[in-house]
Amino acid sequence: MADSTRDGTELLRACSNGDEEALGSLYDRYGKLSYGVALRVLRNAALAEDAVQEAFLTVWRQAGTYDRGRGKVSTWILTLVHRRAVDLVRRQHRFNALPVELAASEPQTSVEGADEGVELHATRSEVQAALRTLSHAEREVLDLAYWGGLTQSEIATALGIPSGTVKSRTFNALAKLRDALHQTDLTAVSP
């Protein structure tokens, strides 16, 4: 049977049996779409290529774990790609982030600068505390939307959940953040 006529489930089954041509067929079908998802998240062509390559390596290694009852092959593959891309974004963010301790210990040139540094440290701590009030699912949706730049439809596809669930989680997460930050008076606009 030619790979162009086999469905994704059959191709994954063939991959789990060591059929490299089946992996190539999966890549031919989903590689361009996967690259688009990764590029949208990473906004860097080289990193997007790395994310897709690593995700398809995971497809090769874990093809036998695919469960047809949990979603389509395309959703499974795009979820692997998206998660890998988000992991790369997080790694880049952690690498580029200045630790709070270093930010607070930077030399200040004036009393005004020192006050701003203390205020920034306090604000950062309050925002981090507010983020800790969110569930993992709520943080994941916000991460994909704000760090990953995905639309709610793309998030639904990537996570394999209904778009209504994405909308609910986003709404609930933003309401929790608004409430938590309002309690610390961070949302008040100063004159």
C-alpha atoms as a PDB file:
ATOM      1  CA  MET A   1       0.000   0.000   0.000  1.00  0.00           C
ATOM      2  CA  ALA A   2       1.425   3.409  -0.956  1.00  0.00           C
ATOM      3  CA  ASP A   3       2.061   5.837   1.903  1.00  0.00           C
ATOM      4  CA  SER A   4      -0.035   8.513   0.208  1.00  0.00           C
ATOM      5  CA  THR A   5      -3.113   6.325   0.660  1.00  0.00           C
ATOM      6  CA  ARG A   6      -2.426   5.212   4.230  1.00  0.00           C
ATOM      7  CA  ASP A   7      -4.023   7.210   6.989  1.00  0.00           C
ATOM      8  CA  GLY A   8      -1.987   8.767   9.758  1.00  0.00           C
ATOM      9  CA  THR A   9      -2.746   5.990  12.224  1.00  0.00           C
ATOM     10  CA  GLU A  10      -1.389   3.377   9.830  1.00  0.00           C
ATOM     11  CA  LEU A  11       1.709   5.487   9.251  1.00  0.00           C
ATOM     12  CA  LEU A  12       2.302   5.805  12.988  1.00  0.00           C
ATOM     13  CA  ARG A  13       1.877   2.067  13.400  1.00  0.00           C
ATOM     14  CA  ALA A  14       4.455   1.566  10.645  1.00  0.00           C
ATOM     15  CA  CYS A  15       6.810   4.026  12.385  1.00  0.00           C
ATOM     16  CA  SER A  16       6.522   2.063  15.606  1.00  0.00           C
ATOM     17  CA  ASN A  17       7.665  -0.978  13.601  1.00  0.00           C
ATOM     18  CA  GLY A  18      10.735   0.879  12.312  1.00  0.00           C
ATOM     19  CA  ASP A  19       9.443   2.003   8.896  1.00  0.00           C
ATOM     20  CA  GLU A  20      11.443   5.130   8.076  1.00  0.00           C
ATOM     21  CA  GLU A  21       9.445   5.769   4.901  1.00  0.00           C
ATOM     22  CA  ALA A  22       6.302   6.070   7.021  1.00  0.00           C
ATOM     23  CA  LEU A  23       7.987   8.776   9.096  1.00  0.00           C
ATOM     24  CA  GLY A  24       8.921  10.541   5.864  1.00  0.00           C
ATOM     25  CA  SER A  25       5.307  10.370   4.732  1.00  0.00           C
ATOM     26  CA  LEU A  26       4.141  11.856   8.036  1.00  0.00           C
ATOM     27  CA  TYR A  27       6.672  14.628   7.645  1.00  0.00           C
ATOM     28  CA  ASP A  28       5.523  15.265   4.064  1.00  0.00           C
ATOM     29  CA  ARG A  29       1.946  15.595   5.307  1.00  0.00           C
ATOM     30  CA  TYR A  30       2.497  17.593   8.482  1.00  0.00           C
ATOM     31  CA  GLY A  31       5.970  19.107   8.231  1.00  0.00           C
ATOM     32  CA  LYS A  32       4.952  22.417   6.656  1.00  0.00           C
ATOM     33  CA  LEU A  33       2.080  22.928   9.089  1.00  0.00           C
ATOM     34  CA  SER A  34       4.346  21.932  11.994  1.00  0.00           C
ATOM     35  CA  TYR A  35       6.958  24.439  10.913  1.00  0.00           C
ATOM     36  CA  GLY A  36       4.291  27.149  10.738  1.00  0.00           C
ATOM     37  CA  VAL A  37       3.175  26.404  14.301  1.00  0.00           C
ATOM     38  CA  ALA A  38       6.748  26.367  15.597  1.00  0.00           C
ATOM     39  CA  LEU A  39       7.653  29.562  13.747  1.00  0.00           C
ATOM     40  CA  ARG A  40       4.618  31.350  15.114  1.00  0.00           C
ATOM     41  CA  VAL A  41       5.634  30.410  18.663  1.00  0.00           C
ATOM     42  CA  LEU A  42       9.383  30.948  18.320  1.00  0.00           C
ATOM     43  CA  ARG A  43       9.579  33.735  15.723  1.00  0.00           C
ATOM     44  CA  ASN A  44      12.961  32.376  14.696  1.00  0.00           C
ATOM     45  CA  ALA A  45      13.394  30.161  11.633  1.00  0.00           C
ATOM     46  CA  ALA A  46      16.373  28.173  12.940  1.00  0.00           C
ATOM     47  CA  LEU A  47      14.712  27.474  16.289  1.00  0.00           C
ATOM     48  CA  ALA A  48      11.467  26.537  14.532  1.00  0.00           C
ATOM     49  CA  GLU A  49      13.352  24.024  12.384  1.00  0.00           C
ATOM     50  CA  ASP A  50      14.970  22.584  15.528  1.00  0.00           C
ATOM     51  CA  ALA A  51      11.594  22.300  17.265  1.00  0.00           C
ATOM     52  CA  VAL A  52      10.065  20.470  14.296  1.00  0.00           C
ATOM     53  CA  GLN A  53      13.042  18.145  13.972  1.00  0.00           C
ATOM     54  CA  GLU A  54      12.968  17.275  17.664  1.00  0.00           C
ATOM     55  CA  ALA A  55       9.194  16.806  17.605  1.00  0.00           C
ATOM     56  CA  PHE A  56       9.397  14.404  14.663  1.00  0.00           C
ATOM     57  CA  LEU A  57      12.157  12.529  16.471  1.00  0.00           C
ATOM     58  CA  THR A  58       9.656  12.177  19.319  1.00  0.00           C
ATOM     59  CA  VAL A  59       7.039  10.986  16.807  1.00  0.00           C
ATOM     60  CA  TRP A  60       9.515   8.319  15.654  1.00  0.00           C
ATOM     61  CA  ARG A  61      10.352   7.227  19.186  1.00  0.00           C
ATOM     62  CA  GLN A  62       6.834   7.376  20.619  1.00  0.00           C
ATOM     63  CA  ALA A  63       4.682   6.402  17.634  1.00  0.00           C
ATOM     64  CA  GLY A  64       3.489   3.346  19.515  1.00  0.00           C
ATOM     65  CA  THR A  65       2.039   5.513  22.293  1.00  0.00           C
ATOM     66  CA  TYR A  66      -0.427   7.298  20.011  1.00  0.00           C
ATOM     67  CA  ASP A  67      -4.015   6.653  21.083  1.00  0.00           C
ATOM     68  CA  ARG A  68      -6.595   7.167  18.340  1.00  0.00           C
ATOM     69  CA  GLY A  69      -9.291   7.649  20.976  1.00  0.00           C
ATOM     70  CA  ARG A  70      -7.622  10.810  22.281  1.00  0.00           C
ATOM     71  CA  GLY A  71      -7.546  12.709  19.004  1.00  0.00           C
ATOM     72  CA  LYS A  72      -6.407  12.862  15.405  1.00  0.00           C
ATOM     73  CA  VAL A  73      -2.832  12.122  14.326  1.00  0.00           C
ATOM     74  CA  SER A  74      -2.423  15.707  13.169  1.00  0.00           C
ATOM     75  CA  THR A  75      -3.450  17.002  16.601  1.00  0.00           C
ATOM     76  CA  TRP A  76      -1.005  14.643  18.320  1.00  0.00           C
ATOM     77  CA  ILE A  77       1.873  15.684  16.082  1.00  0.00           C
ATOM     78  CA  LEU A  78       1.092  19.413  16.287  1.00  0.00           C
ATOM     79  CA  THR A  79       0.819  19.133  20.064  1.00  0.00           C
ATOM     80  CA  LEU A  80       4.296  17.590  20.178  1.00  0.00           C
ATOM     81  CA  VAL A  81       5.624  20.374  17.939  1.00  0.00           C
ATOM     82  CA  HIS A  82       3.926  23.091  19.939  1.00  0.00           C
ATOM     83  CA  ARG A  83       5.125  21.748  23.277  1.00  0.00           C
ATOM     84  CA  ARG A  84       8.677  21.531  21.971  1.00  0.00           C
ATOM     85  CA  ALA A  85       8.475  25.110  20.669  1.00  0.00           C
ATOM     86  CA  VAL A  86       7.086  26.356  23.981  1.00  0.00           C
ATOM     87  CA  ASP A  87       9.886  24.530  25.805  1.00  0.00           C
ATOM     88  CA  LEU A  88      12.397  26.375  23.622  1.00  0.00           C
ATOM     89  CA  VAL A  89      10.688  29.714  24.328  1.00  0.00           C
ATOM     90  CA  ARG A  90      10.809  29.016  28.050  1.00  0.00           C
ATOM     91  CA  ARG A  91      14.466  28.019  27.850  1.00  0.00           C
ATOM     92  CA  GLN A  92      15.276  31.223  25.944  1.00  0.00           C
ATOM     93  CA  HIS A  93      13.237  33.274  28.422  1.00  0.00           C
ATOM     94  CA  ARG A  94      14.999  31.725  31.415  1.00  0.00           C
ATOM     95  CA  PHE A  95      18.368  32.245  29.736  1.00  0.00           C
ATOM     96  CA  ASN A  96      17.641  35.895  28.951  1.00  0.00           C
ATOM     97  CA  ALA A  97      15.898  36.716  32.225  1.00  0.00           C
ATOM     98  CA  LEU A  98      17.821  38.619  34.832  1.00  0.00           C
ATOM     99  CA  PRO A  99      17.401  36.944  38.214  1.00  0.00           C
ATOM    100  CA  VAL A 100      15.446  38.996  40.736  1.00  0.00           C
ATOM    101  CA  GLU A 101      18.392  38.966  43.142  1.00  0.00           C
ATOM    102  CA  LEU A 102      20.681  40.493  40.515  1.00  0.00           C
ATOM    103  CA  ALA A 103      18.132  43.111  39.523  1.00  0.00           C
ATOM    104  CA  ALA A 104      17.724  44.188  43.143  1.00  0.00           C
ATOM    105  CA  SER A 105      21.493  44.297  43.691  1.00  0.00           C
ATOM    106  CA  GLU A 106      22.345  46.369  40.614  1.00  0.00           C
ATOM    107  CA  PRO A 107      24.101  49.599  41.550  1.00  0.00           C
ATOM    108  CA  GLN A 108      21.766  52.568  41.639  1.00  0.00           C
ATOM    109  CA  THR A 109      22.897  56.000  40.499  1.00  0.00           C
ATOM    110  CA  SER A 110      20.445  58.006  42.553  1.00  0.00           C
ATOM    111  CA  VAL A 111      17.897  57.807  45.319  1.00  0.00           C
ATOM    112  CA  GLU A 112      15.199  57.933  42.646  1.00  0.00           C
ATOM    113  CA  GLY A 113      16.822  54.965  40.876  1.00  0.00           C
ATOM    114  CA  ALA A 114      17.007  53.030  44.144  1.00  0.00           C
ATOM    115  CA  ASP A 115      13.318  53.645  44.809  1.00  0.00           C
ATOM    116  CA  GLU A 116      12.455  52.413  41.300  1.00  0.00           C
ATOM    117  CA  GLY A 117      14.542  49.264  41.834  1.00  0.00           C
ATOM    118  CA  VAL A 118      12.782  48.483  45.116  1.00  0.00           C
ATOM    119  CA  GLU A 119       9.394  49.168  43.544  1.00  0.00           C
ATOM    120  CA  LEU A 120      10.216  46.961  40.543  1.00  0.00           C
ATOM    121  CA  HIS A 121      11.299  44.124  42.860  1.00  0.00           C
ATOM    122  CA  ALA A 122       8.091  44.437  44.897  1.00  0.00           C
ATOM    123  CA  THR A 123       5.932  44.558  41.773  1.00  0.00           C
ATOM    124  CA  ARG A 124       7.672  41.525  40.298  1.00  0.00           C
ATOM    125  CA  SER A 125       7.121  39.569  43.523  1.00  0.00           C
ATOM    126  CA  GLU A 126       3.427  40.502  43.613  1.00  0.00           C
ATOM    127  CA  VAL A 127       2.911  39.519  39.979  1.00  0.00           C
ATOM    128  CA  GLN A 128       4.666  36.189  40.567  1.00  0.00           C
ATOM    129  CA  ALA A 129       2.432  35.581  43.595  1.00  0.00           C
ATOM    130  CA  ALA A 130      -0.651  36.361  41.478  1.00  0.00           C
ATOM    131  CA  LEU A 131       0.506  33.917  38.783  1.00  0.00           C
ATOM    132  CA  ARG A 132       0.893  31.196  41.432  1.00  0.00           C
ATOM    133  CA  THR A 133      -2.866  31.461  42.099  1.00  0.00           C
ATOM    134  CA  LEU A 134      -3.579  30.049  38.632  1.00  0.00           C
ATOM    135  CA  SER A 135      -4.012  26.360  37.910  1.00  0.00           C
ATOM    136  CA  HIS A 136      -1.529  24.640  35.616  1.00  0.00           C
ATOM    137  CA  ALA A 137      -4.158  24.535  32.836  1.00  0.00           C
ATOM    138  CA  GLU A 138      -4.830  28.277  33.164  1.00  0.00           C
ATOM    139  CA  ARG A 139      -1.109  29.133  33.113  1.00  0.00           C
ATOM    140  CA  GLU A 140      -0.590  26.887  30.084  1.00  0.00           C
ATOM    141  CA  VAL A 141      -3.300  28.678  28.097  1.00  0.00           C
ATOM    142  CA  LEU A 142      -1.924  32.118  29.029  1.00  0.00           C
ATOM    143  CA  ASP A 143       1.637  31.024  28.192  1.00  0.00           C
ATOM    144  CA  LEU A 144       0.580  29.850  24.754  1.00  0.00           C
ATOM    145  CA  ALA A 145      -1.431  32.996  24.119  1.00  0.00           C
ATOM    146  CA  TYR A 146       0.967  35.612  25.438  1.00  0.00           C
ATOM    147  CA  TRP A 147       4.400  34.005  25.085  1.00  0.00           C
ATOM    148  CA  GLY A 148       3.557  31.741  22.179  1.00  0.00           C
ATOM    149  CA  GLY A 149       1.422  34.243  20.293  1.00  0.00           C
ATOM    150  CA  LEU A 150      -1.206  31.626  19.429  1.00  0.00           C
ATOM    151  CA  THR A 151      -4.858  32.341  18.840  1.00  0.00           C
ATOM    152  CA  GLN A 152      -7.471  30.565  20.928  1.00  0.00           C
ATOM    153  CA  SER A 153      -8.236  28.241  18.010  1.00  0.00           C
ATOM    154  CA  GLU A 154      -4.558  27.348  17.657  1.00  0.00           C
ATOM    155  CA  ILE A 155      -4.289  26.732  21.397  1.00  0.00           C
ATOM    156  CA  ALA A 156      -7.312  24.424  21.236  1.00  0.00           C
ATOM    157  CA  THR A 157      -5.727  22.478  18.378  1.00  0.00           C
ATOM    158  CA  ALA A 158      -2.322  22.313  20.048  1.00  0.00           C
ATOM    159  CA  LEU A 159      -3.716  21.092  23.370  1.00  0.00           C
ATOM    160  CA  GLY A 160      -6.431  18.918  21.854  1.00  0.00           C
ATOM    161  CA  ILE A 161      -9.228  20.617  23.814  1.00  0.00           C
ATOM    162  CA  PRO A 162     -12.384  22.444  22.685  1.00  0.00           C
ATOM    163  CA  SER A 163     -12.028  26.152  21.901  1.00  0.00           C
ATOM    164  CA  GLY A 164     -14.725  26.896  24.483  1.00  0.00           C
ATOM    165  CA  THR A 165     -12.475  25.372  27.139  1.00  0.00           C
ATOM    166  CA  VAL A 166      -9.613  27.601  26.016  1.00  0.00           C
ATOM    167  CA  LYS A 167     -11.872  30.652  26.231  1.00  0.00           C
ATOM    168  CA  SER A 168     -13.102  29.684  29.709  1.00  0.00           C
ATOM    169  CA  ARG A 169      -9.603  29.039  31.016  1.00  0.00           C
ATOM    170  CA  THR A 170      -8.361  32.333  29.588  1.00  0.00           C
ATOM    171  CA  PHE A 171     -11.278  34.288  31.049  1.00  0.00           C
ATOM    172  CA  ASN A 172     -10.909  32.635  34.467  1.00  0.00           C
ATOM    173  CA  ALA A 173      -7.136  33.130  34.532  1.00  0.00           C
ATOM    174  CA  LEU A 174      -7.375  36.810  33.643  1.00  0.00           C
ATOM    175  CA  ALA A 175     -10.118  37.350  36.236  1.00  0.00           C
ATOM    176  CA  LYS A 176      -7.996  35.661  38.924  1.00  0.00           C
ATOM    177  CA  LEU A 177      -4.976  37.778  37.989  1.00  0.00           C
ATOM    178  CA  ARG A 178      -7.051  40.948  37.975  1.00  0.00           C
ATOM    179  CA  ASP A 179      -8.453  40.127  41.429  1.00  0.00           C
ATOM    180  CA  ALA A 180      -5.078  39.159  42.872  1.00  0.00           C
ATOM    181  CA  LEU A 181      -3.372  42.262  41.506  1.00  0.00           C
ATOM    182  CA  HIS A 182      -6.247  44.500  42.565  1.00  0.00           C
ATOM    183  CA  GLN A 183      -5.835  43.231  46.134  1.00  0.00           C
ATOM    184  CA  THR A 184      -2.172  44.304  46.019  1.00  0.00           C
ATOM    185  CA  ASP A 185      -3.207  47.609  44.395  1.00  0.00           C
ATOM    186  CA  LEU A 186      -0.964  47.015  41.354  1.00  0.00           C
ATOM    187  CA  THR A 187      -3.750  47.688  38.904  1.00  0.00           C
ATOM    188  CA  ALA A 188      -4.423  51.186  40.220  1.00  0.00           C
ATOM    189  CA  VAL A 189      -3.205  53.873  37.866  1.00  0.00           C
ATOM    190  CA  SER A 190      -1.179  56.533  39.622  1.00  0.00           C
ATOM    191  CA  PRO A 191      -1.497  60.156  38.487  1.00  0.00           C
END
